[in-house]
C-alpha atoms as a PDB file:
ATOM      1  CA  MET A   1     -57.574  28.304  66.263  1.00  0.00           C
ATOM      2  CA  THR A   2     -54.748  29.788  68.295  1.00  0.00           C
ATOM      3  CA  GLU A   3     -51.231  29.093  67.215  1.00  0.00           C
ATOM      4  CA  ASN A   4     -49.247  26.444  69.034  1.00  0.00           C
ATOM      5  CA  LYS A   5     -45.801  25.659  67.727  1.00  0.00           C
ATOM      6  CA  HIS A   6     -46.186  22.050  68.878  1.00  0.00           C
ATOM      7  CA  GLN A   7     -49.626  21.641  67.327  1.00  0.00           C
ATOM      8  CA  VAL A   8     -50.311  18.534  65.266  1.00  0.00           C
ATOM      9  CA  GLY A   9     -51.878  18.808  61.815  1.00  0.00           C
ATOM     10  CA  VAL A  10     -53.297  16.217  59.422  1.00  0.00           C
ATOM     11  CA  LEU A  11     -52.609  16.105  55.693  1.00  0.00           C
ATOM     12  CA  LEU A  12     -55.118  14.070  53.687  1.00  0.00           C
ATOM     13  CA  VAL A  13     -53.560  12.984  50.384  1.00  0.00           C
ATOM     14  CA  ASN A  14     -55.274  11.584  47.321  1.00  0.00           C
ATOM     15  CA  LEU A  15     -54.085  11.023  43.765  1.00  0.00           C
ATOM     16  CA  GLY A  16     -55.309  14.307  42.322  1.00  0.00           C
ATOM     17  CA  THR A  17     -57.431  15.502  39.440  1.00  0.00           C
ATOM     18  CA  PRO A  18     -57.336  18.000  36.570  1.00  0.00           C
ATOM     19  CA  ASP A  19     -58.364  21.539  37.511  1.00  0.00           C
ATOM     20  CA  GLU A  20     -60.812  21.650  34.616  1.00  0.00           C
ATOM     21  CA  PRO A  21     -62.388  19.080  32.268  1.00  0.00           C
ATOM     22  CA  THR A  22     -60.480  20.478  29.284  1.00  0.00           C
ATOM     23  CA  PRO A  23     -57.862  18.811  27.058  1.00  0.00           C
ATOM     24  CA  ALA A  24     -55.183  21.283  28.204  1.00  0.00           C
ATOM     25  CA  ALA A  25     -55.844  20.744  31.906  1.00  0.00           C
ATOM     26  CA  VAL A  26     -56.076  16.977  31.478  1.00  0.00           C
ATOM     27  CA  LYS A  27     -52.820  16.962  29.533  1.00  0.00           C
ATOM     28  CA  ARG A  28     -51.027  18.824  32.345  1.00  0.00           C
ATOM     29  CA  PHE A  29     -52.372  16.414  34.923  1.00  0.00           C
ATOM     30  CA  LEU A  30     -51.635  13.239  32.948  1.00  0.00           C
ATOM     31  CA  SER A  31     -48.148  14.477  32.140  1.00  0.00           C
ATOM     32  CA  GLU A  32     -47.256  14.853  35.818  1.00  0.00           C
ATOM     33  CA  PHE A  33     -48.961  11.579  36.747  1.00  0.00           C
ATOM     34  CA  LEU A  34     -47.416   9.470  33.989  1.00  0.00           C
ATOM     35  CA  HIS A  35     -43.936  10.920  34.545  1.00  0.00           C
ATOM     36  CA  ASP A  36     -43.803   9.360  38.009  1.00  0.00           C
ATOM     37  CA  HIS A  37     -41.456   6.348  38.100  1.00  0.00           C
ATOM     38  CA  ARG A  38     -43.764   4.758  40.667  1.00  0.00           C
ATOM     39  CA  VAL A  39     -46.544   4.706  38.069  1.00  0.00           C
ATOM     40  CA  VAL A  40     -44.569   3.960  34.908  1.00  0.00           C
ATOM     41  CA  ASP A  41     -41.095   2.539  35.502  1.00  0.00           C
ATOM     42  CA  LEU A  42     -39.983   2.295  31.881  1.00  0.00           C
ATOM     43  CA  THR A  43     -36.652   3.761  30.802  1.00  0.00           C
ATOM     44  CA  ARG A  44     -37.195   7.493  30.307  1.00  0.00           C
ATOM     45  CA  TRP A  45     -35.613   7.681  26.855  1.00  0.00           C
ATOM     46  CA  LEU A  46     -38.154   5.092  25.700  1.00  0.00           C
ATOM     47  CA  TRP A  47     -41.161   6.324  27.644  1.00  0.00           C
ATOM     48  CA  CYS A  48     -40.975  10.119  27.297  1.00  0.00           C
ATOM     49  CA  PRO A  49     -41.101  10.291  23.480  1.00  0.00           C
ATOM     50  CA  LEU A  50     -44.032   7.863  23.503  1.00  0.00           C
ATOM     51  CA  LEU A  51     -45.781   9.805  26.258  1.00  0.00           C
ATOM     52  CA  HIS A  52     -45.398  13.240  24.691  1.00  0.00           C
ATOM     53  CA  GLY A  53     -45.556  12.206  21.062  1.00  0.00           C
ATOM     54  CA  VAL A  54     -48.475   9.778  21.153  1.00  0.00           C
ATOM     55  CA  ILE A  55     -50.205   9.168  24.478  1.00  0.00           C
ATOM     56  CA  LEU A  56     -50.826  12.711  25.724  1.00  0.00           C
ATOM     57  CA  PRO A  57     -51.945  14.180  22.371  1.00  0.00           C
ATOM     58  CA  VAL A  58     -54.305  11.246  21.732  1.00  0.00           C
ATOM     59  CA  ARG A  59     -55.638  10.547  25.212  1.00  0.00           C
ATOM     60  CA  SER A  60     -56.032  14.053  26.625  1.00  0.00           C
ATOM     61  CA  PRO A  61     -59.051  15.078  24.494  1.00  0.00           C
ATOM     62  CA  LYS A  62     -60.702  11.692  25.067  1.00  0.00           C
ATOM     63  CA  VAL A  63     -60.154  11.761  28.820  1.00  0.00           C
ATOM     64  CA  ALA A  64     -61.366  15.367  28.967  1.00  0.00           C
ATOM     65  CA  LYS A  65     -64.702  14.268  27.497  1.00  0.00           C
ATOM     66  CA  LEU A  66     -64.943  11.548  30.123  1.00  0.00           C
ATOM     67  CA  TYR A  67     -64.298  14.067  32.886  1.00  0.00           C
ATOM     68  CA  GLN A  68     -66.978  16.305  31.419  1.00  0.00           C
ATOM     69  CA  SER A  69     -69.478  13.464  31.792  1.00  0.00           C
ATOM     70  CA  VAL A  70     -68.934  13.197  35.578  1.00  0.00           C
ATOM     71  CA  TRP A  71     -67.979  16.789  36.463  1.00  0.00           C
ATOM     72  CA  MET A  72     -70.029  18.191  39.346  1.00  0.00           C
ATOM     73  CA  GLU A  73     -71.257  21.745  39.803  1.00  0.00           C
ATOM     74  CA  GLU A  74     -68.538  22.322  42.437  1.00  0.00           C
ATOM     75  CA  GLY A  75     -65.810  20.698  40.349  1.00  0.00           C
ATOM     76  CA  SER A  76     -64.142  17.324  39.910  1.00  0.00           C
ATOM     77  CA  PRO A  77     -65.864  14.636  42.024  1.00  0.00           C
ATOM     78  CA  LEU A  78     -62.618  13.565  43.669  1.00  0.00           C
ATOM     79  CA  MET A  79     -61.850  17.135  44.722  1.00  0.00           C
ATOM     80  CA  VAL A  80     -65.404  17.863  45.837  1.00  0.00           C
ATOM     81  CA  TYR A  81     -65.455  14.832  48.124  1.00  0.00           C
ATOM     82  CA  ALA A  82     -61.893  15.450  49.325  1.00  0.00           C
ATOM     83  CA  LYS A  83     -62.853  18.927  50.508  1.00  0.00           C
ATOM     84  CA  ARG A  84     -65.905  17.551  52.278  1.00  0.00           C
ATOM     85  CA  GLN A  85     -63.755  14.900  53.939  1.00  0.00           C
ATOM     86  CA  ARG A  86     -61.257  17.546  55.047  1.00  0.00           C
ATOM     87  CA  ASP A  87     -63.910  19.808  56.535  1.00  0.00           C
ATOM     88  CA  ALA A  88     -65.808  17.005  58.286  1.00  0.00           C
ATOM     89  CA  LEU A  89     -62.633  15.484  59.728  1.00  0.00           C
ATOM     90  CA  ALA A  90     -61.385  18.860  60.996  1.00  0.00           C
ATOM     91  CA  LYS A  91     -64.585  19.291  62.992  1.00  0.00           C
ATOM     92  CA  GLN A  92     -64.348  15.815  64.454  1.00  0.00           C
ATOM     93  CA  VAL A  93     -60.674  15.797  65.484  1.00  0.00           C
ATOM     94  CA  ASP A  94     -60.467  19.489  66.430  1.00  0.00           C
ATOM     95  CA  MET A  95     -57.104  20.025  64.777  1.00  0.00           C
ATOM     96  CA  PRO A  96     -55.984  21.540  61.477  1.00  0.00           C
ATOM     97  CA  VAL A  97     -56.639  19.323  58.451  1.00  0.00           C
ATOM     98  CA  ALA A  98     -55.376  20.162  54.966  1.00  0.00           C
ATOM     99  CA  LEU A  99     -55.460  18.585  51.525  1.00  0.00           C
ATOM    100  CA  GLY A 100     -52.528  17.693  49.300  1.00  0.00           C
ATOM    101  CA  MET A 101     -52.623  15.860  45.994  1.00  0.00           C
ATOM    102  CA  THR A 102     -49.796  13.707  44.686  1.00  0.00           C
ATOM    103  CA  TYR A 103     -50.395  15.223  41.248  1.00  0.00           C
ATOM    104  CA  GLY A 104     -52.061  18.521  40.424  1.00  0.00           C
ATOM    105  CA  THR A 105     -53.321  21.063  42.939  1.00  0.00           C
ATOM    106  CA  PRO A 106     -53.336  21.628  45.816  1.00  0.00           C
ATOM    107  CA  SER A 107     -49.896  20.026  45.896  1.00  0.00           C
ATOM    108  CA  ILE A 108     -48.491  18.184  48.880  1.00  0.00           C
ATOM    109  CA  ILE A 109     -46.159  21.058  49.709  1.00  0.00           C
ATOM    110  CA  GLN A 110     -49.071  23.484  49.564  1.00  0.00           C
ATOM    111  CA  GLY A 111     -50.925  21.277  52.016  1.00  0.00           C
ATOM    112  CA  ILE A 112     -47.961  21.107  54.392  1.00  0.00           C
ATOM    113  CA  GLU A 113     -47.485  24.878  54.196  1.00  0.00           C
ATOM    114  CA  THR A 114     -51.174  25.389  54.970  1.00  0.00           C
ATOM    115  CA  LEU A 115     -50.679  23.416  58.174  1.00  0.00           C
ATOM    116  CA  GLU A 116     -47.453  25.231  59.051  1.00  0.00           C
ATOM    117  CA  GLN A 117     -49.235  28.546  58.689  1.00  0.00           C
ATOM    118  CA  GLN A 118     -51.606  27.337  61.402  1.00  0.00           C
ATOM    119  CA  GLY A 119     -48.713  26.631  63.750  1.00  0.00           C
ATOM    120  CA  CYS A 120     -48.225  22.927  63.061  1.00  0.00           C
ATOM    121  CA  GLU A 121     -44.749  21.520  63.485  1.00  0.00           C
ATOM    122  CA  LYS A 122     -45.928  17.918  63.454  1.00  0.00           C
ATOM    123  CA  VAL A 123     -47.831  16.503  60.478  1.00  0.00           C
ATOM    124  CA  LEU A 124     -49.603  13.185  60.103  1.00  0.00           C
ATOM    125  CA  ILE A 125     -49.690  12.144  56.444  1.00  0.00           C
ATOM    126  CA  VAL A 126     -52.832  10.144  55.631  1.00  0.00           C
ATOM    127  CA  PRO A 127     -52.772   8.702  52.088  1.00  0.00           C
ATOM    128  CA  LEU A 128     -56.396   7.941  51.252  1.00  0.00           C
ATOM    129  CA  TYR A 129     -55.549   4.471  49.969  1.00  0.00           C
ATOM    130  CA  PRO A 130     -56.855   1.644  52.185  1.00  0.00           C
ATOM    131  CA  GLN A 131     -54.570  -0.901  50.518  1.00  0.00           C
ATOM    132  CA  TYR A 132     -50.864  -0.088  50.272  1.00  0.00           C
ATOM    133  CA  SER A 133     -49.265  -0.003  46.839  1.00  0.00           C
ATOM    134  CA  ALA A 134     -45.962   1.333  45.618  1.00  0.00           C
ATOM    135  CA  THR A 135     -47.911   3.038  42.818  1.00  0.00           C
ATOM    136  CA  THR A 136     -50.027   5.094  45.224  1.00  0.00           C
ATOM    137  CA  THR A 137     -48.981   5.114  48.882  1.00  0.00           C
ATOM    138  CA  ALA A 138     -45.252   5.002  48.196  1.00  0.00           C
ATOM    139  CA  ALA A 139     -45.695   7.709  45.561  1.00  0.00           C
ATOM    140  CA  VAL A 140     -47.075   9.926  48.335  1.00  0.00           C
ATOM    141  CA  PHE A 141     -44.037   9.261  50.506  1.00  0.00           C
ATOM    142  CA  ASP A 142     -41.730  10.063  47.579  1.00  0.00           C
ATOM    143  CA  LYS A 143     -43.529  13.321  46.855  1.00  0.00           C
ATOM    144  CA  VAL A 144     -43.425  14.402  50.507  1.00  0.00           C
ATOM    145  CA  ALA A 145     -39.679  13.830  50.638  1.00  0.00           C
ATOM    146  CA  LYS A 146     -39.122  15.591  47.314  1.00  0.00           C
ATOM    147  CA  SER A 147     -41.311  18.515  48.347  1.00  0.00           C
ATOM    148  CA  LEU A 148     -39.311  19.079  51.533  1.00  0.00           C
ATOM    149  CA  LYS A 149     -35.878  18.550  49.979  1.00  0.00           C
ATOM    150  CA  GLY A 150     -33.557  21.483  50.584  1.00  0.00           C
ATOM    151  CA  ARG A 151     -35.673  23.127  53.267  1.00  0.00           C
ATOM    152  CA  PRO A 152     -33.633  24.200  56.335  1.00  0.00           C
ATOM    153  CA  CYS A 153     -36.352  23.000  58.697  1.00  0.00           C
ATOM    154  CA  ILE A 154     -38.893  20.305  58.041  1.00  0.00           C
ATOM    155  CA  PRO A 155     -41.874  19.291  60.190  1.00  0.00           C
ATOM    156  CA  GLU A 156     -41.883  16.128  62.243  1.00  0.00           C
ATOM    157  CA  LEU A 157     -43.742  13.539  60.182  1.00  0.00           C
ATOM    158  CA  ARG A 158     -45.735  10.361  60.689  1.00  0.00           C
ATOM    159  CA  TYR A 159     -47.430   8.288  58.012  1.00  0.00           C
ATOM    160  CA  VAL A 160     -50.401   5.963  57.744  1.00  0.00           C
ATOM    161  CA  HIS A 161     -49.145   2.969  55.754  1.00  0.00           C
ATOM    162  CA  HIS A 162     -52.499   1.228  55.099  1.00  0.00           C
ATOM    163  CA  TYR A 163     -55.866   0.688  56.757  1.00  0.00           C
ATOM    164  CA  HIS A 164     -57.649  -2.001  54.769  1.00  0.00           C
ATOM    165  CA  ASP A 165     -57.800  -4.209  57.875  1.00  0.00           C
ATOM    166  CA  HIS A 166     -58.912  -1.497  60.312  1.00  0.00           C
ATOM    167  CA  PRO A 167     -62.184  -2.524  61.994  1.00  0.00           C
ATOM    168  CA  ALA A 168     -63.699   0.929  61.386  1.00  0.00           C
ATOM    169  CA  TYR A 169     -62.949   0.680  57.665  1.00  0.00           C
ATOM    170  CA  GLN A 170     -64.530  -2.741  57.397  1.00  0.00           C
ATOM    171  CA  SER A 171     -67.516  -1.540  59.400  1.00  0.00           C
ATOM    172  CA  ALA A 172     -67.950   1.470  57.099  1.00  0.00           C
ATOM    173  CA  LEU A 173     -67.727  -0.708  53.959  1.00  0.00           C
ATOM    174  CA  ALA A 174     -70.215  -3.223  55.313  1.00  0.00           C
ATOM    175  CA  ALA A 175     -72.618  -0.479  56.381  1.00  0.00           C
ATOM    176  CA  SER A 176     -72.574   0.994  52.879  1.00  0.00           C
ATOM    177  CA  VAL A 177     -73.445  -2.402  51.377  1.00  0.00           C
ATOM    178  CA  LYS A 178     -76.234  -3.054  53.871  1.00  0.00           C
ATOM    179  CA  ARG A 179     -77.686   0.400  53.240  1.00  0.00           C
ATOM    180  CA  HIS A 180     -77.609  -0.285  49.505  1.00  0.00           C
ATOM    181  CA  TRP A 181     -79.372  -3.616  49.976  1.00  0.00           C
ATOM    182  CA  GLU A 182     -82.049  -1.990  52.121  1.00  0.00           C
ATOM    183  CA  GLN A 183     -82.729   0.578  49.401  1.00  0.00           C
ATOM    184  CA  HIS A 184     -82.401  -1.574  46.272  1.00  0.00           C
ATOM    185  CA  GLY A 185     -82.591  -5.201  47.331  1.00  0.00           C
ATOM    186  CA  LYS A 186     -79.796  -7.787  47.316  1.00  0.00           C
ATOM    187  CA  GLY A 187     -78.298  -8.796  43.995  1.00  0.00           C
ATOM    188  CA  ASP A 188     -77.202 -12.257  42.878  1.00  0.00           C
ATOM    189  CA  ARG A 189     -73.538 -11.396  43.498  1.00  0.00           C
ATOM    190  CA  LEU A 190     -71.412  -8.695  45.134  1.00  0.00           C
ATOM    191  CA  LEU A 191     -68.336  -7.780  43.068  1.00  0.00           C
ATOM    192  CA  CYS A 192     -65.472  -5.836  44.622  1.00  0.00           C
ATOM    193  CA  SER A 193     -63.547  -4.109  41.828  1.00  0.00           C
ATOM    194  CA  TYR A 194     -60.083  -2.815  42.748  1.00  0.00           C
ATOM    195  CA  HIS A 195     -57.791  -0.589  40.716  1.00  0.00           C
ATOM    196  CA  GLY A 196     -55.253  -2.816  39.016  1.00  0.00           C
ATOM    197  CA  ILE A 197     -51.459  -2.668  38.867  1.00  0.00           C
ATOM    198  CA  PRO A 198     -49.077  -4.513  36.539  1.00  0.00           C
ATOM    199  CA  GLN A 199     -48.544  -8.117  37.626  1.00  0.00           C
ATOM    200  CA  ARG A 200     -44.814  -7.426  37.427  1.00  0.00           C
ATOM    201  CA  PHE A 201     -45.106  -4.939  40.304  1.00  0.00           C
ATOM    202  CA  ALA A 202     -46.721  -7.578  42.512  1.00  0.00           C
ATOM    203  CA  ASP A 203     -44.084 -10.122  41.507  1.00  0.00           C
ATOM    204  CA  ASN A 204     -41.439  -7.627  42.650  1.00  0.00           C
ATOM    205  CA  GLY A 205     -42.920  -7.372  46.149  1.00  0.00           C
ATOM    206  CA  ASP A 206     -45.822  -4.911  46.074  1.00  0.00           C
ATOM    207  CA  PRO A 207     -48.281  -6.260  48.709  1.00  0.00           C
ATOM    208  CA  TYR A 208     -51.289  -4.624  47.052  1.00  0.00           C
ATOM    209  CA  PRO A 209     -53.010  -7.813  45.791  1.00  0.00           C
ATOM    210  CA  GLN A 210     -52.726  -9.401  49.236  1.00  0.00           C
ATOM    211  CA  HIS A 211     -54.289  -6.307  50.784  1.00  0.00           C
ATOM    212  CA  CYS A 212     -57.133  -6.428  48.258  1.00  0.00           C
ATOM    213  CA  GLN A 213     -57.731 -10.106  48.952  1.00  0.00           C
ATOM    214  CA  GLN A 214     -57.746  -9.433  52.687  1.00  0.00           C
ATOM    215  CA  THR A 215     -60.195  -6.556  52.204  1.00  0.00           C
ATOM    216  CA  THR A 216     -62.615  -8.822  50.352  1.00  0.00           C
ATOM    217  CA  ALA A 217     -62.275 -11.647  52.888  1.00  0.00           C
ATOM    218  CA  LEU A 218     -62.836  -9.320  55.846  1.00  0.00           C
ATOM    219  CA  LEU A 219     -65.835  -7.727  54.148  1.00  0.00           C
ATOM    220  CA  GLN A 220     -67.281 -11.158  53.417  1.00  0.00           C
ATOM    221  CA  ALA A 221     -66.954 -12.055  57.094  1.00  0.00           C
ATOM    222  CA  GLU A 222     -68.444  -8.725  58.183  1.00  0.00           C
ATOM    223  CA  LEU A 223     -71.455  -9.288  55.912  1.00  0.00           C
ATOM    224  CA  GLY A 224     -71.744 -12.993  56.700  1.00  0.00           C
ATOM    225  CA  LEU A 225     -71.720 -13.983  53.025  1.00  0.00           C
ATOM    226  CA  PRO A 226     -71.005 -17.474  51.627  1.00  0.00           C
ATOM    227  CA  ASP A 227     -68.107 -17.865  49.204  1.00  0.00           C
ATOM    228  CA  ASP A 228     -70.329 -17.886  46.113  1.00  0.00           C
ATOM    229  CA  ALA A 229     -71.983 -14.554  46.988  1.00  0.00           C
ATOM    230  CA  ILE A 230     -68.914 -12.287  46.736  1.00  0.00           C
ATOM    231  CA  MET A 231     -65.990 -12.016  44.338  1.00  0.00           C
ATOM    232  CA  MET A 232     -63.241  -9.594  43.351  1.00  0.00           C
ATOM    233  CA  SER A 233     -61.586  -8.283  40.190  1.00  0.00           C
ATOM    234  CA  TYR A 234     -59.212  -5.551  38.971  1.00  0.00           C
ATOM    235  CA  GLN A 235     -60.030  -2.601  36.724  1.00  0.00           C
ATOM    236  CA  SER A 236     -58.368   0.301  34.885  1.00  0.00           C
ATOM    237  CA  ARG A 237     -55.535  -1.577  33.216  1.00  0.00           C
ATOM    238  CA  PHE A 238     -53.404   0.386  30.769  1.00  0.00           C
ATOM    239  CA  GLY A 239     -50.951  -0.790  28.143  1.00  0.00           C
ATOM    240  CA  ARG A 240     -50.244  -4.267  26.809  1.00  0.00           C
ATOM    241  CA  GLU A 241     -48.469  -6.008  29.666  1.00  0.00           C
ATOM    242  CA  GLU A 242     -50.259  -8.350  32.040  1.00  0.00           C
ATOM    243  CA  TRP A 243     -51.981  -6.753  35.034  1.00  0.00           C
ATOM    244  CA  LEU A 244     -53.528  -8.301  38.123  1.00  0.00           C
ATOM    245  CA  LYS A 245     -56.324 -10.713  37.258  1.00  0.00           C
ATOM    246  CA  PRO A 246     -59.190 -11.352  36.982  1.00  0.00           C
ATOM    247  CA  TYR A 247     -59.979  -8.247  34.943  1.00  0.00           C
ATOM    248  CA  THR A 248     -63.226  -6.492  35.826  1.00  0.00           C
ATOM    249  CA  ASP A 249     -64.443  -6.065  32.246  1.00  0.00           C
ATOM    250  CA  LYS A 250     -63.802  -9.718  31.352  1.00  0.00           C
ATOM    251  CA  THR A 251     -65.464 -10.820  34.587  1.00  0.00           C
ATOM    252  CA  LEU A 252     -68.573  -8.796  33.783  1.00  0.00           C
ATOM    253  CA  GLU A 253     -68.772 -10.290  30.293  1.00  0.00           C
ATOM    254  CA  GLY A 254     -68.979 -13.786  31.740  1.00  0.00           C
ATOM    255  CA  LEU A 255     -71.241 -13.361  34.777  1.00  0.00           C
ATOM    256  CA  PRO A 256     -74.667 -13.361  33.047  1.00  0.00           C
ATOM    257  CA  ALA A 257     -73.900 -16.744  31.453  1.00  0.00           C
ATOM    258  CA  GLN A 258     -73.228 -18.059  34.963  1.00  0.00           C
ATOM    259  CA  GLY A 259     -76.702 -17.034  36.077  1.00  0.00           C
ATOM    260  CA  VAL A 260     -75.777 -13.706  37.635  1.00  0.00           C
ATOM    261  CA  LYS A 261     -78.461 -11.382  36.327  1.00  0.00           C
ATOM    262  CA  THR A 262     -78.489  -8.795  39.109  1.00  0.00           C
ATOM    263  CA  LEU A 263     -75.101  -7.487  40.195  1.00  0.00           C
ATOM    264  CA  ASP A 264     -74.042  -5.245  43.071  1.00  0.00           C
ATOM    265  CA  ILE A 265     -70.607  -3.720  42.490  1.00  0.00           C
ATOM    266  CA  MET A 266     -68.372  -1.603  44.720  1.00  0.00           C
ATOM    267  CA  THR A 267     -64.843  -0.180  44.556  1.00  0.00           C
ATOM    268  CA  PRO A 268     -63.141  -0.623  47.965  1.00  0.00           C
ATOM    269  CA  ALA A 269     -59.755   0.729  46.841  1.00  0.00           C
ATOM    270  CA  PHE A 270     -61.191   4.196  46.207  1.00  0.00           C
ATOM    271  CA  SER A 271     -61.925   6.518  49.130  1.00  0.00           C
ATOM    272  CA  SER A 272     -63.799   8.959  46.873  1.00  0.00           C
ATOM    273  CA  ASP A 273     -65.864   8.597  43.755  1.00  0.00           C
ATOM    274  CA  CYS A 274     -63.906   9.746  40.729  1.00  0.00           C
ATOM    275  CA  LEU A 275     -63.510   9.114  37.002  1.00  0.00           C
ATOM    276  CA  GLU A 276     -62.610   5.452  37.559  1.00  0.00           C
ATOM    277  CA  THR A 277     -65.746   4.764  39.602  1.00  0.00           C
ATOM    278  CA  LEU A 278     -68.352   7.084  38.086  1.00  0.00           C
ATOM    279  CA  GLU A 279     -67.445   6.755  34.415  1.00  0.00           C
ATOM    280  CA  GLU A 280     -65.545   3.471  34.127  1.00  0.00           C
ATOM    281  CA  ILE A 281     -67.550   1.355  36.584  1.00  0.00           C
ATOM    282  CA  ALA A 282     -70.989   2.998  36.725  1.00  0.00           C
ATOM    283  CA  GLY A 283     -70.850   3.786  32.993  1.00  0.00           C
ATOM    284  CA  GLU A 284     -68.660   1.559  30.817  1.00  0.00           C
ATOM    285  CA  CYS A 285     -68.864  -1.533  33.019  1.00  0.00           C
ATOM    286  CA  ARG A 286     -72.624  -1.204  33.345  1.00  0.00           C
ATOM    287  CA  ASP A 287     -72.887  -1.323  29.555  1.00  0.00           C
ATOM    288  CA  ILE A 288     -70.621  -4.383  29.368  1.00  0.00           C
ATOM    289  CA  PHE A 289     -72.706  -6.303  31.896  1.00  0.00           C
ATOM    290  CA  LEU A 290     -76.065  -5.418  30.388  1.00  0.00           C
ATOM    291  CA  GLU A 291     -74.908  -6.157  26.825  1.00  0.00           C
ATOM    292  CA  ALA A 292     -73.719  -9.585  28.006  1.00  0.00           C
ATOM    293  CA  GLY A 293     -77.210 -10.411  29.242  1.00  0.00           C
ATOM    294  CA  GLY A 294     -77.291  -8.922  32.731  1.00  0.00           C
ATOM    295  CA  GLU A 295     -80.567  -7.392  33.860  1.00  0.00           C
ATOM    296  CA  ALA A 296     -79.640  -5.035  36.712  1.00  0.00           C
ATOM    297  CA  PHE A 297     -76.257  -3.419  37.456  1.00  0.00           C
ATOM    298  CA  ARG A 298     -76.186  -1.556  40.767  1.00  0.00           C
ATOM    299  CA  PHE A 299     -73.196   0.555  41.693  1.00  0.00           C
ATOM    300  CA  ILE A 300     -72.505   1.106  45.405  1.00  0.00           C
ATOM    301  CA  PRO A 301     -70.865   4.538  45.824  1.00  0.00           C
ATOM    302  CA  CYS A 302     -67.527   5.024  47.532  1.00  0.00           C
ATOM    303  CA  LEU A 303     -67.480   6.003  51.194  1.00  0.00           C
ATOM    304  CA  ASN A 304     -66.858   9.638  50.223  1.00  0.00           C
ATOM    305  CA  ASP A 305     -67.883  11.902  53.134  1.00  0.00           C
ATOM    306  CA  ASP A 306     -70.181   9.355  54.776  1.00  0.00           C
ATOM    307  CA  LYS A 307     -70.096   9.710  58.563  1.00  0.00           C
ATOM    308  CA  ALA A 308     -68.753   6.190  59.024  1.00  0.00           C
ATOM    309  CA  HIS A 309     -65.858   7.083  56.728  1.00  0.00           C
ATOM    310  CA  ILE A 310     -65.094  10.242  58.688  1.00  0.00           C
ATOM    311  CA  ASP A 311     -65.247   8.183  61.895  1.00  0.00           C
ATOM    312  CA  LEU A 312     -62.646   5.852  60.382  1.00  0.00           C
ATOM    313  CA  LEU A 313     -60.350   8.737  59.451  1.00  0.00           C
ATOM    314  CA  ALA A 314     -60.733  10.164  62.966  1.00  0.00           C
ATOM    315  CA  ALA A 315     -59.811   6.760  64.398  1.00  0.00           C
ATOM    316  CA  LEU A 316     -56.695   6.658  62.204  1.00  0.00           C
ATOM    317  CA  VAL A 317     -55.707  10.123  63.406  1.00  0.00           C
ATOM    318  CA  ALA A 318     -56.197   9.091  67.038  1.00  0.00           C
ATOM    319  CA  ASP A 319     -54.206   5.884  66.547  1.00  0.00           C
ATOM    320  CA  HIS A 320     -51.268   7.521  64.793  1.00  0.00           C
ATOM    321  CA  THR A 321     -50.948  10.710  66.842  1.00  0.00           C
ATOM    322  CA  GLN A 322     -50.624   8.997  70.199  1.00  0.00           C
ATOM    323  CA  GLY A 323     -47.709  10.434  72.110  1.00  0.00           C
ATOM    324  CA  TRP A 324     -47.692  13.668  70.130  1.00  0.00           C
END
């Protein structure tokens, strides 16, 4: 593509992933991730000794084994799907599209520099988080600002704040559920499992739980489901403090006793399948449900590089680059 100093570029941003499924690589990744004040806001003199003295040495080998169980031939699932999303979106919008990860590689600054090398002076930042949270979306904004700090010239920037209520997102989610039902039949209940955050964060003003509730309600309307056919919960809690409830694992333990023997489960907060969907939900949570008396646990994959998902991303780009 020919250079144009006024050309607009798109930076897709996701959380990130270790470069390899090894304890050393996982330790590097977790260290960067868990040092972020947006993720863990404890006083540093309390948190850092605990992180480096206990958490990283203990968790890194365990998490590495989990990554090994879901690692794809091309690499980490999140990165594999992110690259496919980048390439498919670039073809559809006919403008440069790059990847940047909040933690790990390629970094956000590497993504911005990739776009600048293609002549872009205007960059649309698209955090791949449908529901806004300070722990994810705001962490992207922080990292962008930190990455550009001290530079004599920075690109003109725009951001996508959230898109959980975008019609194209809801349409893509609903289409994925309908396709699943056509292939596997309709379960007794559809459970939407969202990544959790500490309840304290929500109490302090993070709108994430409201966005998750709105996502579920809009999906219910899109699918035409009665209230007793769909529900939501929160997964991936860490530490001892209270997180958003109901918890996914506790919910799964109780469903079979309520007559739910066949469960369809999806993860609308994740734009790509990753450790939290492939290992935690499709693996650990499946075991919890079946051991509690469930008969069939059917995981609906994330939107990944599905065409409807790429159409949504293209719609976001069109919406947010108007006037550029």
